[in-house]
Protein backbone atom coordinates (compact mmCIF):
# COMPACT_ATOMS: atom_id res chain seq x y z
CA UNK A 1 8.21 -14.98 -17.59
CA UNK A 2 6.54 -12.79 -15.00
CA UNK A 3 9.91 -11.78 -13.52
CA UNK A 4 11.30 -11.12 -17.02
CA UNK A 5 8.52 -8.64 -17.83
CA UNK A 6 9.04 -7.02 -14.43
CA UNK A 7 12.68 -6.31 -15.27
CA UNK A 8 12.00 -5.25 -18.87
CA UNK A 9 9.35 -2.69 -17.87
CA UNK A 10 11.59 -1.14 -15.23
CA UNK A 11 14.44 -0.86 -17.78
CA UNK A 12 12.11 0.82 -20.28
CA UNK A 13 11.11 3.34 -17.61
CA UNK A 14 14.75 4.02 -16.83
CA UNK A 15 15.58 4.54 -20.51
CA UNK A 16 12.67 6.93 -20.98
CA UNK A 17 14.00 8.85 -18.00
CA UNK A 18 17.24 9.59 -19.86
CA UNK A 19 15.40 12.26 -21.86
CA UNK A 20 13.71 15.43 -20.71
CA UNK A 21 14.17 17.73 -17.77
CA UNK A 22 13.91 16.41 -14.20
CA UNK A 23 11.58 17.91 -11.66
CA UNK A 24 12.89 20.30 -9.05
CA UNK A 25 15.59 18.69 -6.95
CA UNK A 26 13.73 19.81 -3.84
CA UNK A 27 10.77 17.64 -4.80
CA UNK A 28 12.60 14.40 -5.59
CA UNK A 29 14.71 11.89 -3.68
CA UNK A 30 18.43 11.69 -4.35
CA UNK A 31 19.29 11.41 -8.04
CA UNK A 32 22.04 8.81 -7.66
CA UNK A 33 21.63 5.22 -6.51
CA UNK A 34 23.58 5.99 -3.36
CA UNK A 35 21.35 9.01 -2.78
CA UNK A 36 18.23 6.88 -3.17
CA UNK A 37 19.50 4.24 -0.75
CA UNK A 38 20.38 6.92 1.80
CA UNK A 39 16.99 8.59 1.30
CA UNK A 40 15.13 5.29 1.75
CA UNK A 41 17.14 4.46 4.84
CA UNK A 42 16.60 7.88 6.42
CA UNK A 43 12.87 7.79 5.69
CA UNK A 44 12.58 4.26 7.10
CA UNK A 45 14.29 5.36 10.31
CA UNK A 46 12.01 8.42 10.42
CA UNK A 47 8.93 6.19 10.20
CA UNK A 48 10.18 3.72 12.82
CA UNK A 49 11.00 6.56 15.23
CA UNK A 50 7.67 8.34 14.65
CA UNK A 51 6.09 7.25 17.98
CA UNK A 52 8.74 9.28 19.81
CA UNK A 53 7.29 12.38 18.16
CA UNK A 54 3.62 11.51 18.63
CA UNK A 55 1.33 13.80 20.59
CA UNK A 56 -2.02 13.11 22.19
CA UNK A 57 -3.99 13.06 18.94
CA UNK A 58 -1.48 10.67 17.37
CA UNK A 59 -1.74 8.22 20.26
CA UNK A 60 -5.52 8.44 20.06
CA UNK A 61 -5.34 7.57 16.37
CA UNK A 62 -3.03 4.65 17.07
CA UNK A 63 -5.44 3.42 19.72
CA UNK A 64 -8.34 3.59 17.28
CA UNK A 65 -6.36 1.66 14.67
CA UNK A 66 -5.44 -1.02 17.20
CA UNK A 67 -9.04 -1.26 18.43
CA UNK A 68 -10.34 -1.62 14.88
CA UNK A 69 -7.75 -4.28 14.07
CA UNK A 70 -8.69 -6.27 17.18
CA UNK A 71 -12.41 -5.96 16.39
CA UNK A 72 -11.81 -7.24 12.88
CA UNK A 73 -9.62 -10.04 14.24
CA UNK A 74 -12.53 -11.28 16.34
CA UNK A 75 -14.78 -11.19 13.26
CA UNK A 76 -12.29 -12.60 10.74
CA UNK A 77 -14.01 -15.94 10.26
CA UNK A 78 -17.50 -14.41 10.06
CA UNK A 79 -16.26 -12.04 7.37
CA UNK A 80 -14.61 -14.90 5.52
CA UNK A 81 -17.91 -16.82 5.45
CA UNK A 82 -19.72 -13.73 4.19
CA UNK A 83 -17.39 -13.41 1.22
CA UNK A 84 -17.50 -17.13 0.47
CA UNK A 85 -21.31 -17.01 0.41
CA UNK A 86 -21.45 -14.07 -2.01
CA UNK A 87 -19.18 -15.16 -4.83
CA UNK A 88 -20.22 -14.75 -8.46
CA UNK A 89 -18.59 -14.42 -11.87
CA UNK A 90 -18.88 -10.64 -11.97
CA UNK A 91 -17.16 -10.22 -8.63
CA UNK A 92 -14.51 -12.75 -9.71
CA UNK A 93 -13.62 -10.51 -12.66
CA UNK A 94 -13.62 -7.35 -10.54
CA UNK A 95 -11.38 -9.00 -7.98
CA UNK A 96 -8.93 -10.23 -10.62
CA UNK A 97 -8.75 -6.71 -12.04
CA UNK A 98 -8.33 -4.98 -8.68
CA UNK A 99 -5.59 -7.34 -7.48
CA UNK A 100 -3.18 -5.89 -10.04
CA UNK A 101 -3.06 -2.53 -8.27
CA UNK A 102 -1.39 -4.11 -5.24
CA UNK A 103 0.95 -6.53 -7.00
CA UNK A 104 4.43 -5.03 -6.62
CA UNK A 105 5.64 -6.90 -9.72
CA UNK A 106 3.15 -4.78 -11.65
CA UNK A 107 3.03 -1.62 -9.53
CA UNK A 108 6.77 -0.91 -9.50
CA UNK A 109 7.29 -1.32 -13.27
CA UNK A 110 4.21 0.82 -13.92
CA UNK A 111 5.55 3.54 -11.61
CA UNK A 112 8.98 3.31 -13.28
CA UNK A 113 7.31 3.80 -16.67
CA UNK A 114 5.28 6.70 -15.30
CA UNK A 115 8.46 8.35 -14.01
CA UNK A 116 10.19 7.83 -17.35
CA UNK A 117 7.30 9.37 -19.22
CA UNK A 118 7.09 12.22 -16.70
CA UNK A 119 10.73 13.05 -17.20
CA UNK A 120 10.50 12.70 -20.98
CA UNK A 121 7.49 15.01 -21.14
CA UNK A 122 8.73 17.42 -18.47
CA UNK A 123 5.82 16.63 -16.13
CA UNK A 124 7.29 17.37 -12.69
CA UNK A 125 4.15 16.26 -10.81
CA UNK A 126 4.21 12.83 -12.42
CA UNK A 127 7.93 12.47 -11.71
CA UNK A 128 7.44 13.39 -8.07
CA UNK A 129 4.37 11.18 -7.59
CA UNK A 130 6.04 8.22 -9.28
CA UNK A 131 9.34 8.38 -7.39
CA UNK A 132 7.73 8.98 -4.02
CA UNK A 133 5.24 6.17 -4.70
CA UNK A 134 8.08 3.78 -5.51
CA UNK A 135 9.79 4.70 -2.26
CA UNK A 136 6.58 4.35 -0.25
CA UNK A 137 5.82 0.96 -1.81
CA UNK A 138 9.35 -0.30 -1.19
CA UNK A 139 9.38 0.84 2.44
CA UNK A 140 5.87 -0.41 3.24
CA UNK A 141 6.66 -3.72 1.52
CA UNK A 142 9.70 -4.06 3.76
CA UNK A 143 7.52 -3.57 6.83
CA UNK A 144 4.92 -6.10 5.65
CA UNK A 145 7.52 -8.72 4.74
CA UNK A 146 9.17 -8.30 8.13
CA UNK A 147 5.85 -8.78 9.94
CA UNK A 148 4.99 -11.78 7.76
CA UNK A 149 8.25 -13.50 8.68
CA UNK A 150 7.84 -12.57 12.34
CA UNK A 151 4.26 -13.78 12.75
CA UNK A 152 3.72 -16.59 10.18
CA UNK A 153 -0.05 -16.37 10.26
CA UNK A 154 -1.91 -19.01 8.23
CA UNK A 155 -3.86 -17.81 5.22
CA UNK A 156 -7.66 -18.30 5.19
CA UNK A 157 -7.68 -20.86 2.39
CA UNK A 158 -5.56 -23.28 4.42
CA UNK A 159 -8.52 -24.00 6.75
CA UNK A 160 -6.29 -23.72 9.82
CA UNK A 161 -8.37 -20.93 11.38
CA UNK A 162 -7.81 -17.23 11.93
CA UNK A 163 -5.91 -17.75 15.19
CA UNK A 164 -3.07 -19.87 13.82
CA UNK A 165 0.15 -17.93 14.35
CA UNK A 166 3.41 -19.92 14.16
CA UNK A 167 5.69 -17.02 15.07
CA UNK A 168 9.31 -16.78 14.00
CA UNK A 169 10.43 -19.88 12.11
CA UNK A 170 12.54 -20.93 9.15
CA UNK A 171 9.48 -21.55 7.00
CA UNK A 172 9.04 -19.54 3.79
CA UNK A 173 5.77 -21.19 2.81
CA UNK A 174 3.32 -18.72 1.30
CA UNK A 175 0.56 -20.44 3.26
CA UNK A 176 2.04 -18.92 6.43
CA UNK A 177 2.45 -15.34 5.19
CA UNK A 178 -1.03 -13.93 5.70
CA UNK A 179 -0.35 -11.04 8.10
CA UNK A 180 -0.36 -8.30 6.98
CA UNK A 181 -1.54 -7.84 3.38
CA UNK A 182 1.29 -6.61 1.16
CA UNK A 183 -1.11 -5.95 -1.73
CA UNK A 184 -3.16 -3.61 0.47
CA UNK A 185 -0.03 -1.82 1.68
CA UNK A 186 1.29 -1.24 -1.84
CA UNK A 187 -2.10 -0.07 -3.12
CA UNK A 188 -2.66 2.42 -0.31
CA UNK A 189 0.94 3.66 -0.37
CA UNK A 190 0.59 4.51 -4.06
CA UNK A 191 -2.89 5.97 -3.68
CA UNK A 192 -1.85 8.22 -0.80
CA UNK A 193 1.09 9.70 -2.70
CA UNK A 194 -0.91 10.40 -5.86
CA UNK A 195 -3.85 11.81 -3.89
CA UNK A 196 -1.48 14.21 -2.14
CA UNK A 197 0.70 15.26 -5.07
CA UNK A 198 -2.41 15.80 -7.24
CA UNK A 199 -4.37 17.47 -4.46
CA UNK A 200 -5.40 20.28 -6.80
CA UNK A 201 -7.42 17.80 -8.88
CA UNK A 202 -10.45 16.87 -6.73
CA UNK A 203 -11.26 13.70 -8.69
CA UNK A 204 -7.86 12.06 -8.16
CA UNK A 205 -8.38 10.95 -4.50
CA UNK A 206 -11.71 9.36 -5.42
CA UNK A 207 -10.10 7.31 -8.19
CA UNK A 208 -6.89 6.23 -6.48
CA UNK A 209 -8.42 5.49 -3.07
CA UNK A 210 -11.31 3.71 -4.77
CA UNK A 211 -8.89 1.44 -6.64
CA UNK A 212 -6.86 0.85 -3.46
CA UNK A 213 -10.01 -0.11 -1.55
CA UNK A 214 -11.02 -2.51 -4.32
CA UNK A 215 -7.58 -4.09 -4.16
CA UNK A 216 -7.76 -4.53 -0.40
CA UNK A 217 -11.23 -6.05 -0.50
CA UNK A 218 -10.23 -8.38 -3.35
CA UNK A 219 -7.69 -10.03 -1.05
CA UNK A 220 -10.48 -11.03 1.33
CA UNK A 221 -12.75 -12.05 -1.53
CA UNK A 222 -10.04 -14.30 -2.99
CA UNK A 223 -9.54 -15.96 0.42
CA UNK A 224 -5.89 -14.88 0.47
CA UNK A 225 -6.15 -12.69 3.58
CA UNK A 226 -8.22 -12.21 6.69
CA UNK A 227 -9.97 -8.86 7.11
CA UNK A 228 -7.57 -7.87 9.89
CA UNK A 229 -4.60 -8.58 7.56
CA UNK A 230 -6.06 -6.24 4.96
CA UNK A 231 -6.82 -3.46 7.43
CA UNK A 232 -3.34 -3.50 8.98
CA UNK A 233 -1.68 -3.69 5.56
CA UNK A 234 -3.73 -0.72 4.34
CA UNK A 235 -2.75 1.33 7.39
CA UNK A 236 0.93 0.45 6.91
CA UNK A 237 0.84 1.60 3.29
CA UNK A 238 -1.09 4.77 4.08
CA UNK A 239 1.08 5.73 7.06
CA UNK A 240 4.37 4.95 5.30
CA UNK A 241 3.39 7.20 2.41
CA UNK A 242 2.22 9.97 4.74
CA UNK A 243 5.55 9.94 6.56
CA UNK A 244 7.55 9.92 3.32
CA UNK A 245 5.48 12.86 2.08
CA UNK A 246 5.89 14.70 5.39
CA UNK A 247 9.62 14.96 4.70
CA UNK A 248 9.05 16.65 1.34
CA UNK A 249 8.48 20.43 1.02
CA UNK A 250 5.60 20.03 -1.47
CA UNK A 251 3.68 17.69 0.85
CA UNK A 252 0.37 18.69 2.38
CA UNK A 253 -2.18 16.34 3.84
CA UNK A 254 -4.92 15.83 1.30
CA UNK A 255 -8.37 16.31 2.71
CA UNK A 256 -9.92 13.14 1.35
CA UNK A 257 -9.12 9.70 2.78
CA UNK A 258 -10.57 6.33 1.84
CA UNK A 259 -10.17 3.05 3.70
CA UNK A 260 -11.84 -0.33 3.16
CA UNK A 261 -14.39 -1.17 5.82
CA UNK A 262 -15.44 -4.73 6.59
CA UNK A 263 -18.06 -5.91 9.08
CA UNK A 264 -19.66 -9.33 9.57
CA UNK A 265 -22.78 -8.33 7.60
CA UNK A 266 -21.09 -6.70 4.64
CA UNK A 267 -18.30 -4.59 3.22
CA UNK A 268 -17.82 -1.02 2.13
CA UNK A 269 -15.50 1.95 2.04
CA UNK A 270 -14.99 4.49 4.81
CA UNK A 271 -14.80 8.07 3.52
CA UNK A 272 -13.36 10.93 5.55
CA UNK A 273 -13.06 14.61 4.64
CA UNK A 274 -10.75 16.87 6.67
CA UNK A 275 -12.03 20.40 7.11
């Protein structure tokens, strides 16, 4: 049933897109299926080859990301205990709500509907944000799935510990697909695109990054991911979207960035404003 609704919603979005005027061709990926596949492939290669173009500041940023991931890895079990000790019905409801924003079976149909409506209504910004979000989610999901299959890290709820990595194997058990968090990647990929495309509306980054942070933190709260899984997944989604946007003429780095922050004694959201 879940898969059926997924397909139906995407088809509705496609049908809505048959009406109305498209956005500027310069702002959107290729119009044909072949054009989309080529665009996705080129952007994926661009992202994978990005380190070859990095300068000193980029390598510093990569070092900070790696350091943060390692610090969280060492604190994974302490953070897990913190969340387990602070469960309540209100947080259960918030977590269930936030999880939806990272579920690709809900995110992709919603974005398809948004694109269809954008084209029907002639809203070029919504068309651009929706299509580029779909691409960013698809690409970042590909990266997370590849890492999951390569590492086979045990999920927190299995009780096998945060350091159980089985590496490459033929297993497709969900219990071994903890690293990194695909929900976090999808949520931050979508948030980054919308925050950038709608950069002229100051409230948009607060809303979309806030929802993405809630989604990421919900994965720890629900015992589905370790904190380090969530952080790496969030970075993958954010960076994939940034690189996709960098290849579009309308793209400019938005000044506001949100990321979930988790420490042994609590959780929060890191806010950064670029001057």
